[in-house]
Protein backbone atom coordinates (compact mmCIF):
# COMPACT_ATOMS: atom_id res chain seq x y z
CA MET A 1 15.91 -101.10 18.84
CA ALA A 2 14.12 -98.80 20.86
CA GLU A 3 10.33 -98.56 20.45
CA ALA A 4 8.90 -95.22 19.53
CA PRO A 5 6.82 -93.62 22.31
CA LEU A 6 3.32 -93.44 21.96
CA PRO A 7 1.66 -90.36 20.50
CA PRO A 8 0.18 -87.91 23.57
CA LEU A 9 -3.46 -88.07 22.06
CA TYR A 10 -3.12 -92.13 22.06
CA ARG A 11 -1.92 -92.21 25.27
CA SER A 12 -4.69 -89.77 26.43
CA THR A 13 -6.88 -91.78 24.75
CA VAL A 14 -5.94 -94.87 25.90
CA PHE A 15 -6.38 -93.34 29.50
CA VAL A 16 -10.12 -91.62 29.30
CA ALA A 17 -11.37 -95.27 28.21
CA CYS A 18 -10.13 -97.08 31.15
CA VAL A 19 -11.06 -94.45 33.36
CA ILE A 20 -14.76 -94.67 31.90
CA VAL A 21 -14.69 -98.36 31.91
CA ILE A 22 -13.41 -98.99 35.12
CA ALA A 23 -16.19 -96.30 36.41
CA ALA A 24 -18.93 -98.20 34.76
CA GLY A 25 -17.74 -101.33 37.07
CA LEU A 26 -17.67 -99.76 39.95
CA HIS A 27 -21.23 -98.10 39.15
CA ILE A 28 -22.35 -102.00 38.49
CA ALA A 29 -20.53 -103.31 42.05
CA SER A 30 -21.30 -100.24 43.18
CA ALA A 31 -23.25 -102.38 46.60
CA THR A 32 -20.45 -104.22 47.26
CA VAL A 33 -17.37 -101.58 46.47
CA ASN A 34 -19.62 -99.55 48.89
CA LEU A 35 -19.57 -102.34 51.95
CA LEU A 36 -15.91 -103.29 51.32
CA LEU A 37 -14.81 -99.54 51.44
CA ILE A 38 -16.74 -98.25 54.01
CA SER A 39 -15.51 -100.89 56.14
CA VAL A 40 -12.06 -99.67 55.20
CA LEU A 41 -13.09 -96.24 56.15
CA LEU A 42 -14.34 -97.65 59.10
CA ALA A 43 -11.28 -99.36 60.55
CA MET A 44 -8.71 -96.63 59.64
CA SER A 45 -11.00 -94.32 62.28
CA VAL A 46 -9.99 -96.87 64.51
CA SER A 47 -6.70 -97.31 63.96
CA PRO A 48 -5.09 -94.90 66.44
CA ILE A 49 -6.75 -96.51 69.17
CA THR A 50 -3.70 -99.84 68.08
CA ASN A 51 -1.12 -97.37 67.92
CA PHE A 52 -2.10 -95.70 71.33
CA LEU A 53 -2.14 -98.45 72.76
CA GLU A 54 0.91 -100.21 71.03
CA LEU A 55 2.85 -96.74 73.14
CA ARG A 56 1.34 -97.60 75.91
CA GLY A 57 3.31 -100.77 75.87
CA LEU A 58 1.06 -103.79 74.06
CA LYS A 59 2.23 -105.57 71.53
CA HIS A 60 1.06 -105.22 68.10
CA GLY A 61 -1.13 -108.24 68.49
CA SER A 62 -2.51 -107.56 71.76
CA ALA A 63 -3.64 -104.16 70.46
CA VAL A 64 -5.23 -105.02 67.69
CA THR A 65 -7.50 -107.42 69.12
CA VAL A 66 -8.39 -104.90 72.04
CA THR A 67 -9.16 -102.53 69.07
CA VAL A 68 -11.01 -105.24 67.57
CA LEU A 69 -13.20 -106.16 70.41
CA GLY A 70 -13.82 -102.74 71.55
CA SER A 71 -15.21 -102.17 67.65
CA LEU A 72 -17.58 -104.69 67.30
CA VAL A 73 -19.08 -103.97 70.85
CA VAL A 74 -19.56 -99.94 70.27
CA GLY A 75 -20.47 -101.18 66.85
CA VAL A 76 -23.27 -103.69 67.80
CA LEU A 77 -24.08 -100.89 70.37
CA VAL A 78 -24.53 -98.31 67.75
CA ALA A 79 -26.39 -100.59 65.06
CA GLY A 80 -28.86 -101.56 67.53
CA ALA A 81 -29.50 -97.91 68.98
CA LEU A 82 -29.95 -96.78 65.36
CA ALA A 83 -32.50 -99.50 64.60
CA GLY A 84 -34.27 -98.59 67.04
CA ALA A 85 -34.15 -94.87 66.60
CA LEU A 86 -35.00 -95.55 62.76
CA SER A 87 -37.70 -97.50 63.34
CA GLY A 88 -39.30 -94.71 65.53
CA LEU A 89 -38.56 -92.10 63.31
CA GLN A 90 -39.93 -93.64 60.61
CA GLU A 91 -43.63 -94.22 63.09
CA LYS A 92 -43.58 -90.86 64.37
CA LEU A 93 -43.62 -89.20 60.64
CA PRO A 94 -47.05 -88.38 60.57
CA THR A 95 -46.82 -86.54 63.68
CA TYR A 96 -43.72 -84.38 61.97
CA GLN A 97 -46.12 -84.34 59.13
CA ALA A 98 -48.76 -82.40 61.10
CA ALA A 99 -46.37 -80.52 62.76
CA LEU A 100 -44.96 -78.72 59.72
CA SER A 101 -48.54 -78.29 58.14
CA SER A 102 -49.92 -76.15 61.49
CA ARG A 103 -46.73 -74.21 61.72
CA LEU A 104 -47.28 -73.75 57.57
CA THR A 105 -50.72 -72.96 58.01
CA GLY A 106 -50.01 -70.68 60.74
CA LEU A 107 -47.16 -68.67 58.34
CA GLU A 108 -50.04 -68.54 55.56
CA GLY A 109 -52.08 -66.71 58.22
CA ARG A 110 -49.33 -64.52 59.14
CA LEU A 111 -48.47 -63.55 55.51
CA ALA A 112 -51.62 -62.93 54.51
CA ALA A 113 -52.74 -60.67 57.92
CA ARG A 114 -49.75 -58.47 56.59
CA GLY A 115 -51.23 -58.50 52.62
CA VAL A 116 -48.49 -61.06 51.54
CA ASN A 117 -50.50 -63.64 49.65
CA VAL A 118 -48.56 -66.87 49.11
CA HIS A 119 -49.41 -68.64 45.21
CA GLU A 120 -50.35 -72.44 45.94
CA VAL A 121 -47.73 -73.28 43.32
CA LEU A 122 -44.75 -71.98 46.22
CA LYS A 123 -46.69 -73.66 48.78
CA PRO A 124 -44.39 -76.65 50.10
CA ASP A 125 -46.70 -80.49 49.76
CA THR A 126 -45.89 -81.67 53.14
CA ALA A 127 -47.07 -85.38 52.20
CA GLN A 128 -44.56 -85.34 49.58
CA LEU A 129 -41.95 -84.31 52.12
CA VAL A 130 -43.17 -86.97 54.31
CA ALA A 131 -42.87 -89.39 51.38
CA VAL A 132 -38.81 -88.54 50.45
CA VAL A 133 -38.30 -88.62 53.89
CA GLN A 134 -39.83 -92.28 54.63
CA ARG A 135 -37.98 -93.26 51.79
CA VAL A 136 -34.60 -92.45 52.75
CA VAL A 137 -35.24 -93.92 56.35
CA GLY A 138 -36.02 -97.18 54.59
CA GLY A 139 -33.33 -97.07 52.83
CA ALA A 140 -31.21 -96.27 55.72
CA LEU A 141 -32.96 -99.49 57.89
CA SER A 142 -32.18 -101.60 55.12
CA ALA A 143 -28.34 -100.22 54.98
CA LEU A 144 -28.35 -100.94 58.38
CA GLY A 145 -28.94 -104.89 57.53
CA TYR A 146 -25.57 -104.90 56.42
CA SER A 147 -24.36 -103.66 59.51
CA PHE A 148 -22.71 -107.01 61.13
CA PHE A 149 -20.74 -108.20 58.01
CA ALA A 150 -18.99 -104.84 57.72
CA LEU A 151 -18.31 -105.19 61.81
CA VAL A 152 -16.72 -108.24 60.84
CA LEU A 153 -14.78 -106.90 57.85
CA VAL A 154 -13.64 -103.93 59.76
CA ALA A 155 -12.07 -106.46 62.58
CA LEU A 156 -10.09 -108.22 59.30
CA ILE A 157 -8.63 -104.95 57.77
CA LEU A 158 -7.44 -104.10 61.70
CA LEU A 159 -6.03 -107.38 61.74
CA GLU A 160 -4.36 -107.19 58.36
CA LEU A 161 -2.75 -103.16 59.33
CA PRO A 162 0.63 -103.19 59.89
CA ALA A 163 2.45 -102.53 63.19
CA ARG A 164 3.81 -98.98 63.79
CA LYS A 165 7.50 -100.58 63.81
CA ASP A 166 7.52 -102.04 60.37
CA ILE A 167 9.98 -103.55 58.28
CA GLU A 168 11.21 -100.52 56.13
CA VAL A 169 10.81 -100.72 52.19
CA LYS A 170 12.80 -99.69 49.49
CA ALA A 171 11.38 -96.47 48.97
CA GLY A 172 11.13 -96.28 45.36
CA GLY A 173 9.71 -99.72 45.39
CA MET A 174 6.35 -100.57 44.10
CA ARG A 175 5.81 -101.62 48.31
CA GLY A 176 6.94 -98.34 49.44
CA ARG A 177 4.72 -96.54 46.98
CA PHE A 178 1.64 -97.94 48.29
CA ASP A 179 2.62 -97.66 52.26
CA GLU A 180 2.83 -93.82 51.48
CA VAL A 181 -0.25 -93.32 49.84
CA SER A 182 -2.36 -96.17 52.98
CA VAL A 183 0.15 -93.77 55.23
CA SER A 184 -1.00 -90.36 53.69
CA VAL A 185 -4.66 -91.74 53.51
CA ARG A 186 -4.61 -93.55 57.44
CA ARG A 187 -3.80 -90.18 58.34
CA PHE A 188 -6.62 -87.98 56.82
CA VAL A 189 -9.52 -90.55 57.35
CA ALA A 190 -8.03 -91.22 61.53
CA LEU A 191 -8.16 -87.80 62.15
CA THR A 192 -11.12 -86.49 60.01
CA GLY A 193 -12.36 -89.64 62.17
CA LEU A 194 -11.68 -88.52 65.36
CA ILE A 195 -12.48 -85.14 64.97
CA GLY A 196 -15.99 -86.67 63.54
CA VAL A 197 -16.39 -88.64 66.83
CA GLY A 198 -15.50 -85.32 69.36
CA LEU A 199 -18.21 -83.73 66.80
CA ALA A 200 -20.99 -85.89 66.86
CA ALA A 201 -20.33 -86.30 71.14
CA ILE A 202 -20.34 -82.69 71.56
CA ASN A 203 -23.14 -82.38 69.26
CA LEU A 204 -25.61 -85.25 70.46
CA ILE A 205 -24.57 -83.78 74.18
CA ALA A 206 -26.18 -80.51 73.00
CA MET A 207 -29.04 -82.27 71.20
CA LEU A 208 -30.32 -84.49 74.80
CA ALA A 209 -30.14 -81.34 76.37
CA LEU A 210 -32.22 -79.88 74.35
CA GLY A 211 -34.80 -82.34 73.87
CA THR A 212 -33.96 -83.22 70.03
CA ASP A 213 -35.57 -86.57 68.94
CA PHE A 214 -33.45 -89.19 67.94
CA PRO A 215 -30.05 -87.72 68.92
CA MET A 216 -28.32 -90.80 67.66
CA VAL A 217 -29.23 -91.02 64.01
CA TRP A 218 -28.45 -87.03 64.17
CA ALA A 219 -25.08 -87.71 65.93
CA VAL A 220 -23.67 -90.56 63.80
CA LEU A 221 -24.77 -88.05 60.45
CA LEU A 222 -22.88 -85.75 61.31
CA PHE A 223 -20.08 -88.03 61.98
CA LEU A 224 -20.55 -89.57 58.60
CA LEU A 225 -20.73 -86.31 57.28
CA ASN A 226 -17.61 -84.80 58.72
CA PHE A 227 -15.74 -86.95 55.78
CA VAL A 228 -17.79 -84.92 53.18
CA PRO A 229 -16.96 -81.36 51.80
CA PHE A 230 -19.58 -79.19 52.58
CA GLY A 231 -21.83 -81.85 54.70
CA PHE A 232 -22.13 -80.31 57.39
CA ALA A 233 -24.20 -77.82 56.13
CA ILE A 234 -26.57 -80.79 55.70
CA ALA A 235 -25.82 -82.89 58.26
CA MET A 236 -27.52 -79.92 60.79
CA ILE A 237 -30.59 -79.65 58.28
CA PRO A 238 -32.73 -82.82 60.29
CA PRO A 239 -32.28 -82.06 63.90
CA VAL A 240 -32.65 -78.07 63.69
CA ALA A 241 -35.90 -79.04 62.05
CA LEU A 242 -37.17 -81.41 64.05
CA THR A 243 -36.29 -79.22 67.41
CA LEU A 244 -38.29 -76.44 65.24
CA LEU A 245 -41.70 -78.79 65.46
CA GLU A 246 -41.33 -80.32 68.57
CA HIS A 247 -39.92 -77.65 70.16
CA GLY A 248 -40.05 -74.30 68.76
CA THR A 249 -37.85 -71.58 67.86
CA THR A 250 -35.77 -70.65 70.62
CA ARG A 251 -34.72 -74.62 71.29
CA ALA A 252 -34.11 -74.68 67.46
CA ALA A 253 -31.93 -71.55 67.66
CA ILE A 254 -29.47 -72.62 70.31
CA LEU A 255 -29.42 -75.96 68.78
CA LEU A 256 -28.08 -74.49 65.21
CA GLY A 257 -25.73 -72.09 67.25
CA VAL A 258 -24.24 -74.96 69.05
CA LEU A 259 -23.80 -76.81 65.66
CA VAL A 260 -22.57 -74.13 64.04
CA VAL A 261 -20.12 -72.85 66.20
CA SER A 262 -18.76 -76.67 67.39
CA ASN A 263 -18.14 -77.00 63.27
CA MET A 264 -16.15 -73.38 63.07
CA LEU A 265 -13.82 -73.97 65.75
CA SER A 266 -13.15 -77.65 64.24
CA ASP A 267 -12.74 -75.93 60.55
CA ASN A 268 -10.92 -73.22 61.65
CA VAL A 269 -8.65 -74.61 64.93
CA VAL A 270 -8.62 -77.94 65.25
CA LYS A 271 -7.84 -79.52 61.87
CA PRO A 272 -5.52 -77.10 60.70
CA LYS A 273 -3.60 -77.83 63.93
CA LEU A 274 -3.37 -81.89 63.48
CA MET A 275 -3.34 -81.53 59.59
CA GLY A 276 -1.15 -79.44 59.18
CA SER A 277 -1.53 -77.50 55.84
CA GLY A 278 -3.58 -79.26 54.55
CA LEU A 279 -4.91 -82.19 51.92
CA GLY A 280 -2.64 -81.06 48.96
CA LEU A 281 -5.97 -80.74 47.01
CA SER A 282 -7.22 -77.37 45.75
CA PRO A 283 -11.13 -76.76 46.14
CA LEU A 284 -12.17 -77.46 42.93
CA VAL A 285 -10.33 -80.69 42.42
CA ILE A 286 -12.23 -81.51 46.16
CA VAL A 287 -15.32 -79.77 44.31
CA VAL A 288 -15.26 -82.34 41.24
CA SER A 289 -13.80 -85.39 42.86
CA LEU A 290 -17.06 -85.23 44.99
CA MET A 291 -19.13 -84.63 41.74
CA PHE A 292 -17.73 -87.95 40.15
CA TRP A 293 -17.57 -90.33 43.42
CA ALA A 294 -21.06 -89.50 44.16
CA PHE A 295 -22.03 -89.94 40.79
CA VAL A 296 -19.87 -93.61 40.46
CA LEU A 297 -20.84 -95.01 44.00
CA GLY A 298 -24.10 -92.89 45.11
CA PRO A 299 -24.22 -91.27 48.02
CA VAL A 300 -21.84 -92.96 49.67
CA GLY A 301 -19.35 -91.92 47.44
CA ALA A 302 -20.06 -88.60 48.53
CA ILE A 303 -18.20 -89.65 51.84
CA LEU A 304 -15.63 -91.48 50.33
CA ALA A 305 -14.28 -88.76 47.49
CA VAL A 306 -11.83 -87.25 49.65
CA PRO A 307 -9.50 -90.30 50.46
CA LEU A 308 -10.06 -91.80 46.85
CA THR A 309 -8.86 -88.27 45.63
CA ILE A 310 -6.04 -88.69 47.56
CA THR A 311 -5.21 -91.68 47.01
CA ILE A 312 -5.49 -91.25 42.87
CA THR A 313 -3.64 -88.13 43.31
CA THR A 314 -0.72 -89.28 45.09
CA LEU A 315 -0.19 -92.96 42.97
CA ALA A 316 -0.62 -90.82 39.92
CA PRO A 317 2.67 -89.14 39.64
CA PHE A 318 4.57 -92.32 40.41
CA PHE A 319 3.10 -94.43 37.40
CA ALA A 320 2.89 -91.57 34.97
CA GLY A 321 6.75 -90.54 35.04
CA GLY A 322 7.81 -91.73 38.60
CA VAL A 323 8.13 -88.45 40.29
CA THR A 324 7.69 -88.70 44.05
CA PRO A 325 4.28 -86.31 45.14
CA VAL A 326 5.87 -83.46 47.41
CA GLU A 327 5.03 -84.11 51.43
């Protein structure tokens, strides 16, 4: 005797309850989950190097070894440079506070000369702004303490990634379903990572040429926020602000122009050519997923929002009714 299907309301209630329980668990364990997921993200970002080496004739094991060693060397160098730059940034915060106060005082004087009086409530509190930056920089320095462990995880994940010519699996089987998700997510992360590296390198050269303080920090920030929808608007604020405080309006305007033009070329020329029609996610889904994952996993959740949403939207039709997602 066949069992009667559960009522839709019952199934929906159970589904929502499961989502709440899983989200609560991820939120509680967010520190560990974030470390693991960021390691996966970085491993997928460098996985095209392994594929390129295999196309050049190296065996899978040799290609993975070269990629792992290269990732460890570059990772240690970048982590060391970031630690030194963040420490220097922390030490120079009082200097930036004095420069900001001076510029605000000058702006207030020019406005007053034109008959515009700035109300006390509208004046930014430079001490409070610097205190916020101090907390952010301190948090970044603390996070760098986990960088070596993250690099080890990246190496182990690269070793576990399958070869390009793997054994074919049954299309309708569970392994085939997860392989499809893996290919989709790896493609998005790898292409976004490569584009992010290119953007970061171009903007790093521009910041070095213009004399922006601590360019390595802002280049890494540009790379990470390249995974965040609309993250570029946030990433360009610190380097432009520091250039304005240290070198004046002209250099800040030049840097802003370079950042905006490079991002426009990336979004409107490079990404459409490499990624094709897009992610299959509407802008509303992207924004909602950004809010949800940022709430569950914190700031790191914003970086992981799109890859996690791609995974869920690809797997959900299988578990809901066995419908194969449209390519």
